[in-house]
Amino acid sequence: MRSATYRPLDRPELPDDTAALARYLIGKVVVRELPEGVASGRIVETEAYVVGDAAGHGYRGMTPRNRSLFLERGHAYVYLAYGISYMLNVSSETPGTGTGVLIRALEPVEGIEIMRANRGIERLRDLARGPGRLAQALRIDRSLDGLDLCRKGPLWLGHGEDDEPGEIGQSTRIGISRDADRLLRFYVRQSPFVSGPGSQPVSGQQH
């Protein structure tokens, strides 16, 4: 299966709870349509930023920077972290809530040579292993902020070949200091493409 046959996610099928959405998105596909072709990857790691979460960008209310986080669930919220790396998030729950899911890592599926050119590296495992790498590999920036990810366009979410990715692990989130004890990170156990704890290198293969 490739992008031409992916089915976009329908908004009514998205869970209306942020943690449930973070788990639901594991195994789904991020599709990026570019002038030189399509690049896509299977989601293997997410983090939820829930209501009342001091680590969430919506915690102190809406601003011009984070307004896309307050859209109806299934929209892109893209921000620049530390002035260096863009991050792709999916808005969650009802409009005005200000919660979302960070897409932390992908297993590359399609357009791998495009991703390699965007990242300037060859190693498959590292193309989209981490939210900053993921955004660079798919050429995601603020121009995509606010897009409806439940319809085909420059960036969208679809069903993959198998929406049951295997055993899903759960842990604390990575790189935060507030509300850091919450088990709101979800990932595919044993996947070599996971960015944090739970990643397993593929033995005997050069990635």
N, C-alpha and C. Protein backbone atom coordinates (compact mmCIF):
# COMPACT_ATOMS: atom_id res chain seq x y z
N MET A 1 0.85 -1.20 0.00
CA MET A 1 0.00 0.00 0.00
C MET A 1 0.88 1.24 0.00
N ARG A 2 0.52 2.22 -0.82
CA ARG A 2 1.20 3.48 -0.84
C ARG A 2 0.18 4.60 -0.78
N SER A 3 0.62 5.84 -0.86
CA SER A 3 -0.24 6.97 -0.56
C SER A 3 -1.50 7.02 -1.43
N ALA A 4 -1.40 6.55 -2.66
CA ALA A 4 -2.55 6.61 -3.56
C ALA A 4 -3.71 5.78 -3.02
N THR A 5 -3.41 4.78 -2.21
CA THR A 5 -4.46 3.90 -1.69
C THR A 5 -4.69 4.06 -0.20
N TYR A 6 -3.96 4.94 0.47
CA TYR A 6 -4.26 5.23 1.87
C TYR A 6 -5.63 5.90 1.95
N ARG A 7 -6.35 5.60 3.02
CA ARG A 7 -7.61 6.29 3.29
C ARG A 7 -7.38 7.32 4.39
N PRO A 8 -7.71 8.59 4.13
CA PRO A 8 -7.54 9.59 5.19
C PRO A 8 -8.35 9.23 6.43
N LEU A 9 -7.85 9.59 7.58
CA LEU A 9 -8.59 9.38 8.80
C LEU A 9 -9.85 10.25 8.79
N ASP A 10 -10.95 9.69 9.27
CA ASP A 10 -12.19 10.44 9.40
C ASP A 10 -12.24 11.06 10.79
N ARG A 11 -12.58 12.34 10.87
CA ARG A 11 -12.58 13.00 12.17
C ARG A 11 -13.48 12.30 13.20
N PRO A 12 -14.68 11.84 12.82
CA PRO A 12 -15.52 11.18 13.83
C PRO A 12 -14.88 9.92 14.43
N GLU A 13 -13.96 9.30 13.72
CA GLU A 13 -13.34 8.08 14.26
C GLU A 13 -12.18 8.38 15.21
N LEU A 14 -11.75 9.64 15.29
CA LEU A 14 -10.67 10.00 16.19
C LEU A 14 -11.20 10.04 17.62
N PRO A 15 -10.55 9.37 18.56
CA PRO A 15 -10.99 9.45 19.95
C PRO A 15 -11.00 10.90 20.42
N ASP A 16 -11.98 11.25 21.27
CA ASP A 16 -12.06 12.62 21.74
C ASP A 16 -11.33 12.84 23.06
N ASP A 17 -10.58 11.84 23.49
CA ASP A 17 -9.70 11.96 24.64
C ASP A 17 -8.26 11.99 24.13
N THR A 18 -7.46 12.92 24.65
CA THR A 18 -6.11 13.13 24.10
C THR A 18 -5.21 11.91 24.25
N ALA A 19 -5.20 11.29 25.43
CA ALA A 19 -4.35 10.10 25.63
C ALA A 19 -4.81 8.97 24.72
N ALA A 20 -6.12 8.79 24.58
CA ALA A 20 -6.64 7.75 23.69
C ALA A 20 -6.26 8.04 22.25
N LEU A 21 -6.27 9.31 21.85
CA LEU A 21 -5.87 9.66 20.49
C LEU A 21 -4.40 9.36 20.26
N ALA A 22 -3.56 9.65 21.26
CA ALA A 22 -2.12 9.37 21.12
C ALA A 22 -1.88 7.88 20.88
N ARG A 23 -2.62 7.04 21.57
CA ARG A 23 -2.47 5.60 21.37
C ARG A 23 -3.06 5.18 20.02
N TYR A 24 -4.19 5.75 19.67
CA TYR A 24 -4.88 5.43 18.42
C TYR A 24 -4.00 5.72 17.21
N LEU A 25 -3.22 6.79 17.27
CA LEU A 25 -2.42 7.19 16.11
C LEU A 25 -1.23 6.27 15.86
N ILE A 26 -0.85 5.45 16.84
CA ILE A 26 0.22 4.48 16.60
C ILE A 26 -0.21 3.52 15.49
N GLY A 27 0.62 3.39 14.47
CA GLY A 27 0.30 2.53 13.34
C GLY A 27 -0.33 3.26 12.17
N LYS A 28 -0.82 4.48 12.42
CA LYS A 28 -1.37 5.28 11.32
C LYS A 28 -0.20 5.89 10.52
N VAL A 29 -0.51 6.56 9.43
CA VAL A 29 0.52 7.03 8.50
C VAL A 29 0.46 8.54 8.33
N VAL A 30 1.62 9.19 8.38
CA VAL A 30 1.74 10.60 8.03
C VAL A 30 2.15 10.68 6.57
N VAL A 31 1.40 11.41 5.78
CA VAL A 31 1.67 11.54 4.34
C VAL A 31 2.02 12.99 4.03
N ARG A 32 3.15 13.17 3.37
CA ARG A 32 3.60 14.52 2.96
C ARG A 32 3.71 14.54 1.44
N GLU A 33 2.93 15.41 0.81
CA GLU A 33 2.95 15.55 -0.64
C GLU A 33 3.84 16.72 -1.01
N LEU A 34 4.90 16.44 -1.76
CA LEU A 34 5.90 17.43 -2.14
C LEU A 34 6.00 17.51 -3.66
N PRO A 35 6.58 18.59 -4.20
CA PRO A 35 6.69 18.71 -5.65
C PRO A 35 7.43 17.54 -6.30
N GLU A 36 8.41 16.98 -5.61
CA GLU A 36 9.19 15.88 -6.19
C GLU A 36 8.64 14.51 -5.90
N GLY A 37 7.52 14.44 -5.18
CA GLY A 37 6.92 13.15 -4.89
C GLY A 37 6.31 13.10 -3.50
N VAL A 38 5.90 11.92 -3.11
CA VAL A 38 5.24 11.72 -1.81
C VAL A 38 6.20 11.00 -0.86
N ALA A 39 6.24 11.49 0.37
CA ALA A 39 7.00 10.83 1.43
C ALA A 39 6.01 10.49 2.54
N SER A 40 6.14 9.29 3.09
CA SER A 40 5.21 8.90 4.15
C SER A 40 5.92 8.00 5.15
N GLY A 41 5.33 7.91 6.33
CA GLY A 41 5.89 7.07 7.37
C GLY A 41 4.83 6.62 8.35
N ARG A 42 5.04 5.46 8.91
CA ARG A 42 4.13 4.87 9.89
C ARG A 42 4.48 5.40 11.28
N ILE A 43 3.50 5.87 12.00
CA ILE A 43 3.72 6.44 13.33
C ILE A 43 4.06 5.33 14.32
N VAL A 44 5.20 5.47 14.97
CA VAL A 44 5.63 4.46 15.94
C VAL A 44 5.79 5.03 17.36
N GLU A 45 5.61 6.36 17.51
CA GLU A 45 5.79 6.96 18.83
C GLU A 45 5.04 8.28 18.90
N THR A 46 4.29 8.47 19.98
CA THR A 46 3.54 9.71 20.20
C THR A 46 3.62 10.11 21.67
N GLU A 47 3.25 11.35 21.94
CA GLU A 47 3.09 11.83 23.31
C GLU A 47 1.81 12.65 23.40
N ALA A 48 1.07 12.47 24.49
CA ALA A 48 -0.16 13.22 24.71
C ALA A 48 0.10 14.39 25.66
N TYR A 49 -0.52 15.53 25.35
CA TYR A 49 -0.47 16.71 26.21
C TYR A 49 -1.92 17.07 26.52
N VAL A 50 -2.36 16.73 27.73
CA VAL A 50 -3.77 16.66 28.09
C VAL A 50 -4.26 17.93 28.80
N VAL A 51 -5.54 17.95 29.12
CA VAL A 51 -6.15 19.07 29.84
C VAL A 51 -5.46 19.25 31.20
N GLY A 52 -5.11 20.49 31.54
CA GLY A 52 -4.47 20.77 32.82
C GLY A 52 -3.03 20.36 32.91
N ASP A 53 -2.41 20.09 31.77
CA ASP A 53 -1.04 19.58 31.70
C ASP A 53 -0.06 20.76 31.65
N ALA A 54 0.73 20.90 32.70
CA ALA A 54 1.66 22.04 32.77
C ALA A 54 2.73 21.99 31.69
N ALA A 55 2.94 20.82 31.09
CA ALA A 55 3.92 20.69 30.01
C ALA A 55 3.34 21.04 28.65
N GLY A 56 2.02 21.23 28.58
CA GLY A 56 1.37 21.48 27.30
C GLY A 56 1.41 22.94 26.89
N HIS A 57 1.44 23.19 25.60
CA HIS A 57 1.49 24.56 25.09
C HIS A 57 0.19 25.32 25.31
N GLY A 58 -0.91 24.60 25.55
CA GLY A 58 -2.18 25.25 25.76
C GLY A 58 -2.49 25.54 27.22
N TYR A 59 -1.55 25.24 28.10
CA TYR A 59 -1.80 25.31 29.54
C TYR A 59 -2.20 26.71 29.99
N ARG A 60 -1.56 27.72 29.42
CA ARG A 60 -1.83 29.10 29.84
C ARG A 60 -2.79 29.83 28.90
N GLY A 61 -3.42 29.09 28.00
CA GLY A 61 -4.40 29.70 27.13
C GLY A 61 -3.91 29.93 25.71
N MET A 62 -4.79 30.44 24.89
CA MET A 62 -4.50 30.63 23.47
C MET A 62 -3.65 31.87 23.22
N THR A 63 -2.69 31.74 22.30
CA THR A 63 -1.86 32.84 21.84
C THR A 63 -1.80 32.77 20.31
N PRO A 64 -1.29 33.81 19.66
CA PRO A 64 -1.14 33.72 18.20
C PRO A 64 -0.28 32.53 17.78
N ARG A 65 0.68 32.16 18.63
CA ARG A 65 1.60 31.06 18.28
C ARG A 65 0.92 29.69 18.36
N ASN A 66 0.03 29.51 19.34
CA ASN A 66 -0.49 28.15 19.57
C ASN A 66 -1.96 27.99 19.18
N ARG A 67 -2.52 28.94 18.46
CA ARG A 67 -3.97 28.92 18.21
C ARG A 67 -4.42 27.66 17.49
N SER A 68 -3.56 27.05 16.67
CA SER A 68 -3.95 25.82 15.96
C SER A 68 -4.17 24.66 16.91
N LEU A 69 -3.55 24.71 18.08
CA LEU A 69 -3.73 23.67 19.08
C LEU A 69 -5.16 23.67 19.62
N PHE A 70 -5.85 24.79 19.47
CA PHE A 70 -7.21 24.94 19.99
C PHE A 70 -8.28 24.63 18.95
N LEU A 71 -7.85 24.19 17.76
CA LEU A 71 -8.81 23.82 16.72
C LEU A 71 -9.46 22.47 17.04
N GLU A 72 -10.49 22.16 16.28
CA GLU A 72 -11.14 20.85 16.37
C GLU A 72 -10.09 19.75 16.19
N ARG A 73 -10.31 18.61 16.82
CA ARG A 73 -9.31 17.54 16.76
C ARG A 73 -9.01 17.14 15.30
N GLY A 74 -7.72 16.82 15.06
CA GLY A 74 -7.31 16.38 13.73
C GLY A 74 -6.67 17.46 12.88
N HIS A 75 -6.27 18.58 13.49
CA HIS A 75 -5.57 19.63 12.76
C HIS A 75 -4.10 19.66 13.15
N ALA A 76 -3.27 20.20 12.27
CA ALA A 76 -1.83 20.29 12.53
C ALA A 76 -1.52 21.51 13.38
N TYR A 77 -0.73 21.27 14.42
CA TYR A 77 -0.13 22.36 15.19
C TYR A 77 1.38 22.19 15.05
N VAL A 78 2.01 23.11 14.34
CA VAL A 78 3.44 23.04 14.07
C VAL A 78 4.12 24.22 14.76
N TYR A 79 5.13 23.93 15.56
CA TYR A 79 5.86 25.01 16.23
C TYR A 79 7.36 24.76 16.11
N LEU A 80 8.13 25.82 16.33
CA LEU A 80 9.58 25.75 16.29
C LEU A 80 10.10 25.63 17.71
N ALA A 81 10.79 24.55 18.00
CA ALA A 81 11.31 24.29 19.35
C ALA A 81 12.74 24.80 19.47
N TYR A 82 12.97 25.64 20.48
CA TYR A 82 14.30 26.16 20.78
C TYR A 82 14.94 26.88 19.60
N GLY A 83 14.11 27.36 18.68
CA GLY A 83 14.61 28.08 17.51
C GLY A 83 15.36 27.20 16.53
N ILE A 84 15.22 25.87 16.67
CA ILE A 84 16.02 24.95 15.86
C ILE A 84 15.17 23.99 15.04
N SER A 85 14.26 23.26 15.71
CA SER A 85 13.55 22.15 15.07
C SER A 85 12.04 22.37 15.11
N TYR A 86 11.39 22.08 13.99
CA TYR A 86 9.93 22.10 13.96
C TYR A 86 9.38 20.80 14.55
N MET A 87 8.19 20.89 15.14
CA MET A 87 7.53 19.74 15.74
C MET A 87 6.11 19.65 15.19
N LEU A 88 5.68 18.43 14.84
CA LEU A 88 4.34 18.20 14.33
C LEU A 88 3.46 17.64 15.44
N ASN A 89 2.35 18.33 15.68
CA ASN A 89 1.36 17.89 16.67
C ASN A 89 0.00 17.80 16.00
N VAL A 90 -0.87 16.99 16.60
CA VAL A 90 -2.25 16.86 16.14
C VAL A 90 -3.16 17.40 17.24
N SER A 91 -3.98 18.40 16.91
CA SER A 91 -4.90 18.94 17.90
C SER A 91 -5.89 17.86 18.33
N SER A 92 -6.38 17.97 19.57
CA SER A 92 -7.26 16.93 20.10
C SER A 92 -8.46 17.53 20.82
N GLU A 93 -9.43 16.69 21.09
CA GLU A 93 -10.63 17.02 21.84
C GLU A 93 -11.48 18.08 21.13
N THR A 94 -12.24 18.85 21.87
CA THR A 94 -13.19 19.78 21.26
C THR A 94 -12.53 21.13 20.98
N PRO A 95 -13.07 21.90 20.04
CA PRO A 95 -12.48 23.22 19.75
C PRO A 95 -12.39 24.07 21.02
N GLY A 96 -11.26 24.74 21.17
CA GLY A 96 -11.05 25.60 22.31
C GLY A 96 -10.40 24.93 23.50
N THR A 97 -10.14 23.62 23.42
CA THR A 97 -9.58 22.90 24.57
C THR A 97 -8.08 23.14 24.72
N GLY A 98 -7.34 23.15 23.61
CA GLY A 98 -5.90 23.43 23.67
C GLY A 98 -5.05 22.24 24.07
N THR A 99 -5.44 21.05 23.64
CA THR A 99 -4.67 19.84 23.91
C THR A 99 -4.23 19.22 22.59
N GLY A 100 -3.22 18.34 22.65
CA GLY A 100 -2.74 17.75 21.41
C GLY A 100 -1.82 16.58 21.61
N VAL A 101 -1.43 16.00 20.48
CA VAL A 101 -0.55 14.83 20.45
C VAL A 101 0.67 15.17 19.62
N LEU A 102 1.84 15.01 20.21
CA LEU A 102 3.10 15.19 19.49
C LEU A 102 3.45 13.90 18.76
N ILE A 103 3.72 14.00 17.46
CA ILE A 103 4.19 12.85 16.69
C ILE A 103 5.70 12.79 16.85
N ARG A 104 6.20 11.78 17.58
CA ARG A 104 7.61 11.74 17.94
C ARG A 104 8.48 10.98 16.95
N ALA A 105 7.94 9.96 16.28
CA ALA A 105 8.81 9.16 15.41
C ALA A 105 7.98 8.41 14.38
N LEU A 106 8.60 8.20 13.22
CA LEU A 106 7.99 7.46 12.11
C LEU A 106 8.92 6.34 11.64
N GLU A 107 8.32 5.29 11.15
CA GLU A 107 9.05 4.29 10.36
C GLU A 107 8.86 4.67 8.90
N PRO A 108 9.92 5.07 8.19
CA PRO A 108 9.77 5.50 6.80
C PRO A 108 9.15 4.41 5.93
N VAL A 109 8.22 4.80 5.07
CA VAL A 109 7.52 3.85 4.20
C VAL A 109 7.73 4.19 2.74
N GLU A 110 7.52 5.42 2.38
CA GLU A 110 7.50 5.85 0.98
C GLU A 110 8.32 7.13 0.84
N GLY A 111 8.95 7.30 -0.32
CA GLY A 111 9.73 8.50 -0.54
C GLY A 111 10.99 8.56 0.30
N ILE A 112 11.60 7.42 0.52
CA ILE A 112 12.78 7.36 1.40
C ILE A 112 13.93 8.19 0.85
N GLU A 113 14.10 8.21 -0.46
CA GLU A 113 15.18 9.02 -1.04
C GLU A 113 14.91 10.51 -0.86
N ILE A 114 13.65 10.90 -0.87
CA ILE A 114 13.29 12.30 -0.59
C ILE A 114 13.67 12.63 0.84
N MET A 115 13.34 11.74 1.76
CA MET A 115 13.69 11.96 3.17
C MET A 115 15.19 12.03 3.36
N ARG A 116 15.92 11.17 2.70
CA ARG A 116 17.39 11.19 2.81
C ARG A 116 17.95 12.52 2.31
N ALA A 117 17.41 13.02 1.22
CA ALA A 117 17.87 14.32 0.70
C ALA A 117 17.54 15.44 1.67
N ASN A 118 16.34 15.40 2.23
CA ASN A 118 15.93 16.44 3.18
C ASN A 118 16.78 16.42 4.45
N ARG A 119 17.16 15.22 4.89
CA ARG A 119 17.92 15.08 6.12
C ARG A 119 19.43 15.15 5.89
N GLY A 120 19.87 14.87 4.66
CA GLY A 120 21.30 14.87 4.38
C GLY A 120 22.03 13.68 4.97
N ILE A 121 21.29 12.59 5.20
CA ILE A 121 21.90 11.36 5.72
C ILE A 121 21.35 10.16 4.96
N GLU A 122 22.03 9.01 5.09
CA GLU A 122 21.60 7.79 4.43
C GLU A 122 20.92 6.81 5.38
N ARG A 123 21.29 6.84 6.64
CA ARG A 123 20.86 5.82 7.60
C ARG A 123 19.34 5.82 7.78
N LEU A 124 18.69 4.76 7.35
CA LEU A 124 17.23 4.67 7.36
C LEU A 124 16.67 4.85 8.76
N ARG A 125 17.30 4.24 9.73
CA ARG A 125 16.78 4.26 11.10
C ARG A 125 16.68 5.67 11.66
N ASP A 126 17.55 6.55 11.24
CA ASP A 126 17.61 7.89 11.81
C ASP A 126 16.88 8.96 11.00
N LEU A 127 16.19 8.57 9.94
CA LEU A 127 15.53 9.57 9.10
C LEU A 127 14.42 10.31 9.85
N ALA A 128 13.63 9.60 10.64
CA ALA A 128 12.49 10.23 11.31
C ALA A 128 12.35 9.73 12.74
N ARG A 129 13.48 9.45 13.38
CA ARG A 129 13.50 8.93 14.75
C ARG A 129 13.71 10.09 15.71
N GLY A 130 12.60 10.73 16.07
CA GLY A 130 12.62 11.95 16.87
C GLY A 130 11.82 13.02 16.16
N PRO A 131 11.12 13.89 16.92
CA PRO A 131 10.21 14.84 16.28
C PRO A 131 10.88 15.87 15.38
N GLY A 132 12.08 16.32 15.73
CA GLY A 132 12.79 17.27 14.88
C GLY A 132 13.25 16.64 13.59
N ARG A 133 13.79 15.44 13.68
CA ARG A 133 14.22 14.71 12.48
C ARG A 133 13.03 14.42 11.57
N LEU A 134 11.92 14.03 12.19
CA LEU A 134 10.70 13.72 11.44
C LEU A 134 10.28 14.94 10.61
N ALA A 135 10.23 16.10 11.24
CA ALA A 135 9.81 17.31 10.54
C ALA A 135 10.78 17.67 9.42
N GLN A 136 12.07 17.50 9.67
CA GLN A 136 13.05 17.79 8.63
C GLN A 136 12.91 16.82 7.47
N ALA A 137 12.73 15.54 7.77
CA ALA A 137 12.61 14.51 6.73
C ALA A 137 11.41 14.77 5.82
N LEU A 138 10.31 15.26 6.40
CA LEU A 138 9.09 15.50 5.63
C LEU A 138 8.92 16.96 5.24
N ARG A 139 9.93 17.78 5.53
CA ARG A 139 9.92 19.20 5.19
C ARG A 139 8.67 19.89 5.76
N ILE A 140 8.49 19.68 7.04
CA ILE A 140 7.36 20.28 7.76
C ILE A 140 7.82 21.56 8.44
N ASP A 141 7.08 22.65 8.22
CA ASP A 141 7.40 23.91 8.88
C ASP A 141 6.11 24.64 9.21
N ARG A 142 6.23 25.89 9.64
CA ARG A 142 5.05 26.64 10.09
C ARG A 142 4.04 26.90 8.97
N SER A 143 4.45 26.78 7.73
CA SER A 143 3.50 26.99 6.63
C SER A 143 2.39 25.95 6.64
N LEU A 144 2.62 24.84 7.33
CA LEU A 144 1.62 23.76 7.40
C LEU A 144 0.78 23.84 8.67
N ASP A 145 1.08 24.80 9.53
CA ASP A 145 0.34 24.96 10.78
C ASP A 145 -1.13 25.23 10.50
N GLY A 146 -2.02 24.50 11.20
CA GLY A 146 -3.45 24.70 11.05
C GLY A 146 -4.12 23.86 9.99
N LEU A 147 -3.35 23.08 9.22
CA LEU A 147 -3.94 22.24 8.18
C LEU A 147 -4.87 21.19 8.78
N ASP A 148 -5.92 20.88 8.04
CA ASP A 148 -6.81 19.79 8.41
C ASP A 148 -6.15 18.49 7.97
N LEU A 149 -5.76 17.67 8.93
CA LEU A 149 -5.04 16.43 8.64
C LEU A 149 -5.97 15.27 8.28
N CYS A 150 -7.27 15.52 8.29
CA CYS A 150 -8.25 14.48 7.96
C CYS A 150 -8.72 14.60 6.51
N ARG A 151 -8.01 15.33 5.71
CA ARG A 151 -8.31 15.43 4.28
C ARG A 151 -7.00 15.49 3.52
N LYS A 152 -7.00 14.95 2.31
CA LYS A 152 -5.78 14.93 1.52
C LYS A 152 -5.35 16.35 1.18
N GLY A 153 -4.05 16.57 1.23
CA GLY A 153 -3.47 17.87 0.95
C GLY A 153 -1.97 17.78 1.07
N PRO A 154 -1.29 18.88 1.36
CA PRO A 154 0.18 18.83 1.49
C PRO A 154 0.65 17.92 2.62
N LEU A 155 -0.18 17.80 3.67
CA LEU A 155 0.15 16.97 4.83
C LEU A 155 -1.15 16.41 5.38
N TRP A 156 -1.19 15.07 5.57
CA TRP A 156 -2.42 14.46 6.08
C TRP A 156 -2.12 13.13 6.76
N LEU A 157 -3.13 12.62 7.46
CA LEU A 157 -3.01 11.36 8.18
C LEU A 157 -3.90 10.31 7.54
N GLY A 158 -3.37 9.08 7.42
CA GLY A 158 -4.14 8.02 6.80
C GLY A 158 -4.02 6.70 7.54
N HIS A 159 -4.87 5.77 7.16
CA HIS A 159 -4.78 4.41 7.65
C HIS A 159 -3.67 3.68 6.90
N GLY A 160 -2.84 2.94 7.61
CA GLY A 160 -1.78 2.17 6.99
C GLY A 160 -2.25 0.80 6.56
N GLU A 161 -1.31 -0.04 6.17
CA GLU A 161 -1.65 -1.40 5.76
C GLU A 161 -2.25 -2.18 6.91
N ASP A 162 -1.75 -1.90 8.12
CA ASP A 162 -2.20 -2.61 9.31
C ASP A 162 -2.26 -1.62 10.46
N ASP A 163 -3.46 -1.30 10.91
CA ASP A 163 -3.60 -0.33 11.99
C ASP A 163 -3.33 -0.95 13.36
N GLU A 164 -3.03 -2.24 13.40
CA GLU A 164 -2.64 -2.90 14.65
C GLU A 164 -1.15 -3.15 14.59
N PRO A 165 -0.34 -2.23 15.11
CA PRO A 165 1.11 -2.27 14.89
C PRO A 165 1.88 -3.29 15.73
N GLY A 166 1.19 -3.97 16.63
CA GLY A 166 1.89 -4.87 17.53
C GLY A 166 1.77 -4.35 18.96
N GLU A 167 2.64 -4.81 19.82
CA GLU A 167 2.56 -4.44 21.23
C GLU A 167 2.92 -2.96 21.41
N ILE A 168 2.07 -2.25 22.09
CA ILE A 168 2.29 -0.82 22.33
C ILE A 168 2.73 -0.61 23.77
N GLY A 169 3.86 0.07 23.94
CA GLY A 169 4.37 0.39 25.26
C GLY A 169 3.88 1.75 25.71
N GLN A 170 4.01 2.02 26.99
CA GLN A 170 3.58 3.29 27.57
C GLN A 170 4.60 3.71 28.61
N SER A 171 4.97 4.99 28.61
CA SER A 171 5.99 5.47 29.54
C SER A 171 5.79 6.95 29.82
N THR A 172 6.67 7.50 30.64
CA THR A 172 6.70 8.95 30.83
C THR A 172 7.22 9.61 29.56
N ARG A 173 6.92 10.90 29.41
CA ARG A 173 7.34 11.64 28.22
C ARG A 173 8.81 12.02 28.31
N ILE A 174 9.35 12.46 27.18
CA ILE A 174 10.78 12.71 27.05
C ILE A 174 11.06 14.22 27.04
N GLY A 175 12.09 14.63 27.78
CA GLY A 175 12.60 16.00 27.68
C GLY A 175 11.73 17.08 28.28
N ILE A 176 10.88 16.74 29.26
CA ILE A 176 10.07 17.76 29.91
C ILE A 176 10.37 17.76 31.40
N SER A 177 10.09 18.89 32.06
CA SER A 177 10.35 18.99 33.49
C SER A 177 9.07 19.15 34.30
N ARG A 178 7.97 19.60 33.67
CA ARG A 178 6.71 19.78 34.37
C ARG A 178 5.77 18.63 34.07
N ASP A 179 5.06 18.15 35.09
CA ASP A 179 4.17 16.99 34.95
C ASP A 179 4.89 15.83 34.27
N ALA A 180 6.14 15.64 34.64
CA ALA A 180 7.00 14.67 33.97
C ALA A 180 6.72 13.22 34.35
N ASP A 181 5.90 13.01 35.39
CA ASP A 181 5.66 11.64 35.85
C ASP A 181 4.47 10.97 35.17
N ARG A 182 3.77 11.68 34.30
CA ARG A 182 2.58 11.11 33.65
C ARG A 182 2.98 10.12 32.56
N LEU A 183 2.26 9.02 32.51
CA LEU A 183 2.53 7.98 31.51
C LEU A 183 1.76 8.29 30.24
N LEU A 184 2.26 9.25 29.49
CA LEU A 184 1.54 9.75 28.32
C LEU A 184 2.34 9.61 27.03
N ARG A 185 3.36 8.80 27.04
CA ARG A 185 4.12 8.47 25.83
C ARG A 185 3.74 7.06 25.39
N PHE A 186 3.45 6.89 24.10
CA PHE A 186 3.06 5.60 23.54
C PHE A 186 4.02 5.26 22.40
N TYR A 187 4.38 4.00 22.29
CA TYR A 187 5.37 3.62 21.27
C TYR A 187 5.23 2.14 20.93
N VAL A 188 5.71 1.78 19.76
CA VAL A 188 5.74 0.38 19.33
C VAL A 188 6.94 -0.29 19.97
N ARG A 189 6.68 -1.27 20.81
CA ARG A 189 7.77 -1.98 21.48
C ARG A 189 8.66 -2.68 20.44
N GLN A 190 9.94 -2.62 20.68
CA GLN A 190 10.96 -3.28 19.85
C GLN A 190 11.16 -2.62 18.49
N SER A 191 10.50 -1.53 18.21
CA SER A 191 10.72 -0.86 16.93
C SER A 191 12.07 -0.16 16.92
N PRO A 192 12.87 -0.35 15.88
CA PRO A 192 14.15 0.36 15.79
C PRO A 192 13.99 1.84 15.47
N PHE A 193 12.76 2.26 15.15
CA PHE A 193 12.53 3.64 14.73
C PHE A 193 12.01 4.53 15.85
N VAL A 194 11.84 3.95 17.04
CA VAL A 194 11.40 4.73 18.20
C VAL A 194 12.55 5.60 18.68
N SER A 195 12.24 6.82 19.14
CA SER A 195 13.30 7.77 19.46
C SER A 195 13.84 7.66 20.87
N GLY A 196 13.05 7.13 21.78
CA GLY A 196 13.46 7.06 23.17
C GLY A 196 13.54 5.64 23.68
N PRO A 197 13.38 5.43 24.98
CA PRO A 197 13.42 4.10 25.56
C PRO A 197 12.41 3.17 24.88
N GLY A 198 12.85 1.96 24.61
CA GLY A 198 12.00 1.00 23.91
C GLY A 198 12.47 0.73 22.51
N SER A 199 13.40 1.55 22.01
CA SER A 199 13.95 1.34 20.68
C SER A 199 14.92 0.18 20.68
N GLN A 200 14.86 -0.63 19.64
CA GLN A 200 15.76 -1.77 19.51
C GLN A 200 16.42 -1.72 18.13
N PRO A 201 17.75 -1.69 18.07
CA PRO A 201 18.42 -1.71 16.75
C PRO A 201 18.17 -3.03 16.06
N VAL A 202 18.20 -2.99 14.73
CA VAL A 202 18.03 -4.20 13.94
C VAL A 202 19.39 -4.88 13.80
N SER A 203 19.54 -6.03 14.39
CA SER A 203 20.84 -6.72 14.36
C SER A 203 21.10 -7.29 12.98
N GLY A 204 22.37 -7.19 12.59
CA GLY A 204 22.80 -7.77 11.34
C GLY A 204 22.44 -6.97 10.11
N GLN A 205 21.85 -5.79 10.28
CA GLN A 205 21.50 -4.97 9.15
C GLN A 205 22.04 -3.57 9.32
N GLN A 206 22.46 -2.96 8.24
CA GLN A 206 22.94 -1.57 8.27
C GLN A 206 21.78 -0.65 7.94
N HIS A 207 21.39 0.15 8.89
CA HIS A 207 20.32 1.12 8.67
C HIS A 207 20.85 2.54 8.76
